């Protein structure tokens, strides 16, 4: 009896696998940046991302924050709770829909945000130093294209459109 045909085994070269490379790069960059603000400001990565989203787009609901920073509701909820407890974020209940609460930075949160933003922007500039202006523009375009393609192909959970998250 002849053997059934089997597809040849494929080799996954992890070090060349795009999802792996992007994940590792994101983790290295995130950890490195976190090292600059964790000690002085006592923030987790998620807490800083919540603050960054609120600093740019407030007022937002917790769900909208999660869409902006592409994080699950539980992580965002914990971060918001910690930031609220420290007086960095304030919550206001919607008068028309009492189940809905909007979030924004408090005065103390704005002050901390204003201290961290220059650190983050300087870090970003140092990262980009290894690229020419043309390479940076190309990197930005390619990153945007990959992000949109992944979202359109439903490779990532749908929590908002790419333009909402990227901008």
Protein backbone atom coordinates (compact mmCIF):
# COMPACT_ATOMS: atom_id res chain seq x y z
CA UNK A 1 0.00 0.00 0.00
CA UNK A 2 1.50 3.41 -0.96
CA UNK A 3 2.26 5.92 1.79
CA UNK A 4 0.03 8.98 1.92
CA UNK A 5 1.68 12.12 0.57
CA UNK A 6 2.95 14.42 3.28
CA UNK A 7 3.96 18.00 2.91
CA UNK A 8 7.66 18.47 3.52
CA UNK A 9 8.50 19.85 6.94
CA UNK A 10 9.05 23.56 6.89
CA UNK A 11 11.70 25.26 8.94
CA UNK A 12 10.88 28.42 10.81
CA UNK A 13 13.98 30.54 11.15
CA UNK A 14 12.85 32.44 14.21
CA UNK A 15 15.57 35.07 13.91
CA UNK A 16 14.27 35.95 10.41
CA UNK A 17 10.54 35.59 11.18
CA UNK A 18 8.97 39.05 10.86
CA UNK A 19 6.45 38.76 13.72
CA UNK A 20 9.23 37.62 16.05
CA UNK A 21 11.61 40.38 14.94
CA UNK A 22 8.95 43.06 15.37
CA UNK A 23 8.01 41.71 18.79
CA UNK A 24 11.61 41.62 19.99
CA UNK A 25 12.31 45.10 18.65
CA UNK A 26 9.18 46.47 20.32
CA UNK A 27 10.10 44.81 23.61
CA UNK A 28 13.69 46.05 23.56
CA UNK A 29 12.60 49.60 22.74
CA UNK A 30 9.79 49.55 25.32
CA UNK A 31 12.06 48.16 28.05
CA UNK A 32 14.77 50.69 27.27
CA UNK A 33 12.37 53.64 27.35
CA UNK A 34 10.70 52.27 30.48
CA UNK A 35 14.09 52.32 32.18
CA UNK A 36 14.19 56.08 31.70
CA UNK A 37 10.88 56.87 33.40
CA UNK A 38 10.17 53.91 35.71
CA UNK A 39 12.49 54.93 38.53
CA UNK A 40 11.99 58.68 38.57
CA UNK A 41 8.22 58.54 38.05
CA UNK A 42 7.21 55.09 39.31
CA UNK A 43 5.16 54.18 36.25
CA UNK A 44 4.66 50.84 34.56
CA UNK A 45 4.74 50.63 30.76
CA UNK A 46 0.94 50.38 30.65
CA UNK A 47 0.48 53.32 33.00
CA UNK A 48 2.72 55.50 30.83
CA UNK A 49 0.85 54.46 27.70
CA UNK A 50 -2.46 55.35 29.35
CA UNK A 51 -1.04 58.74 30.37
CA UNK A 52 0.35 59.31 26.87
CA UNK A 53 -3.03 58.54 25.29
CA UNK A 54 -4.86 60.80 27.73
CA UNK A 55 -2.27 63.53 27.27
CA UNK A 56 -2.94 63.51 23.53
CA UNK A 57 -6.62 62.56 23.16
CA UNK A 58 -8.51 63.12 26.44
CA UNK A 59 -11.21 62.83 27.45
CA UNK A 60 -11.43 59.10 26.69
CA UNK A 61 -13.24 56.17 28.22
CA UNK A 62 -11.14 53.25 29.44
CA UNK A 63 -12.31 51.30 26.40
CA UNK A 64 -11.16 54.07 24.07
CA UNK A 65 -7.80 54.19 25.84
CA UNK A 66 -7.45 50.44 25.26
CA UNK A 67 -8.17 50.96 21.56
CA UNK A 68 -5.61 53.73 21.29
CA UNK A 69 -2.81 51.82 23.00
CA UNK A 70 -3.86 48.36 21.74
CA UNK A 71 -4.07 46.77 25.17
CA UNK A 72 -6.71 44.60 26.76
CA UNK A 73 -9.34 45.99 29.11
CA UNK A 74 -7.95 44.31 32.22
CA UNK A 75 -4.47 45.81 31.79
CA UNK A 76 -5.93 49.25 31.07
CA UNK A 77 -8.30 49.01 34.03
CA UNK A 78 -5.46 48.15 36.41
CA UNK A 79 -3.31 50.96 35.05
CA UNK A 80 -6.16 53.48 35.34
CA UNK A 81 -6.89 52.34 38.90
CA UNK A 82 -3.26 52.84 39.89
CA UNK A 83 -3.05 56.24 38.20
CA UNK A 84 -6.32 57.34 39.78
CA UNK A 85 -5.14 56.25 43.22
CA UNK A 86 -1.99 58.34 42.76
CA UNK A 87 -4.04 61.35 41.68
CA UNK A 88 -2.64 61.37 38.14
CA UNK A 89 -5.91 60.58 36.36
CA UNK A 90 -9.39 61.81 37.14
CA UNK A 91 -12.62 60.08 36.23
CA UNK A 92 -15.90 61.85 35.44
CA UNK A 93 -19.20 60.00 35.13
CA UNK A 94 -21.19 60.84 32.02
CA UNK A 95 -24.34 62.69 33.11
CA UNK A 96 -26.42 61.17 30.29
CA UNK A 97 -25.10 57.62 30.65
CA UNK A 98 -24.07 56.88 34.25
CA UNK A 99 -22.38 53.63 33.14
CA UNK A 100 -19.89 55.60 31.07
CA UNK A 101 -16.93 57.42 32.62
CA UNK A 102 -14.46 59.63 30.85
CA UNK A 103 -10.85 59.85 31.88
CA UNK A 104 -8.36 62.67 31.71
CA UNK A 105 -5.11 63.66 33.33
CA UNK A 106 -5.35 65.62 36.57
CA UNK A 107 -3.18 68.70 37.10
CA UNK A 108 -0.63 66.43 38.79
CA UNK A 109 -0.88 64.02 35.83
CA UNK A 110 -0.36 66.83 33.32
CA UNK A 111 2.70 67.97 35.22
CA UNK A 112 4.21 64.47 35.21
CA UNK A 113 3.27 63.99 31.54
CA UNK A 114 5.04 67.26 30.70
CA UNK A 115 8.19 65.97 32.38
CA UNK A 116 8.16 62.57 30.63
CA UNK A 117 7.34 63.71 27.08
CA UNK A 118 10.73 65.36 26.47
CA UNK A 119 12.47 62.22 27.76
CA UNK A 120 10.41 60.05 25.40
CA UNK A 121 10.97 62.35 22.42
CA UNK A 122 14.71 62.50 23.07
CA UNK A 123 14.79 58.70 23.26
CA UNK A 124 12.91 58.48 19.95
CA UNK A 125 15.37 60.91 18.36
CA UNK A 126 18.33 58.83 19.58
CA UNK A 127 16.74 55.72 18.05
CA UNK A 128 16.25 57.46 14.73
CA UNK A 129 19.87 58.71 14.65
CA UNK A 130 20.96 55.51 12.92
CA UNK A 131 18.63 56.25 9.99
CA UNK A 132 18.96 58.93 7.35
CA UNK A 133 15.97 61.22 6.78
CA UNK A 134 15.04 59.15 3.73
CA UNK A 135 15.33 55.87 5.67
CA UNK A 136 13.20 57.27 8.48
CA UNK A 137 10.48 58.34 6.06
CA UNK A 138 10.61 54.94 4.37
CA UNK A 139 10.51 53.15 7.75
CA UNK A 140 7.46 55.17 8.77
CA UNK A 141 5.66 54.42 5.50
CA UNK A 142 6.48 50.70 5.64
CA UNK A 143 5.47 50.43 9.29
CA UNK A 144 2.15 52.14 8.54
CA UNK A 145 1.57 49.82 5.57
CA UNK A 146 2.33 46.66 7.58
CA UNK A 147 0.10 47.84 10.40
CA UNK A 148 -2.82 48.54 8.09
CA UNK A 149 -2.33 45.23 6.28
CA UNK A 150 -2.27 43.28 9.54
CA UNK A 151 -5.41 45.07 10.74
CA UNK A 152 -7.23 44.66 7.43
CA UNK A 153 -6.35 40.97 7.35
CA UNK A 154 -7.73 40.55 10.85
CA UNK A 155 -4.35 39.36 12.04
CA UNK A 156 -4.86 41.51 15.15
CA UNK A 157 -7.98 41.76 17.30
CA UNK A 158 -10.25 44.48 16.00
CA UNK A 159 -10.35 47.20 18.66
CA UNK A 160 -10.22 50.29 16.48
CA UNK A 161 -9.08 51.34 13.05
CA UNK A 162 -5.41 51.78 12.20
CA UNK A 163 -5.68 55.54 11.84
CA UNK A 164 -7.19 55.81 15.32
CA UNK A 165 -4.32 53.87 16.84
CA UNK A 166 -1.52 55.36 14.76
CA UNK A 167 -2.59 58.97 15.07
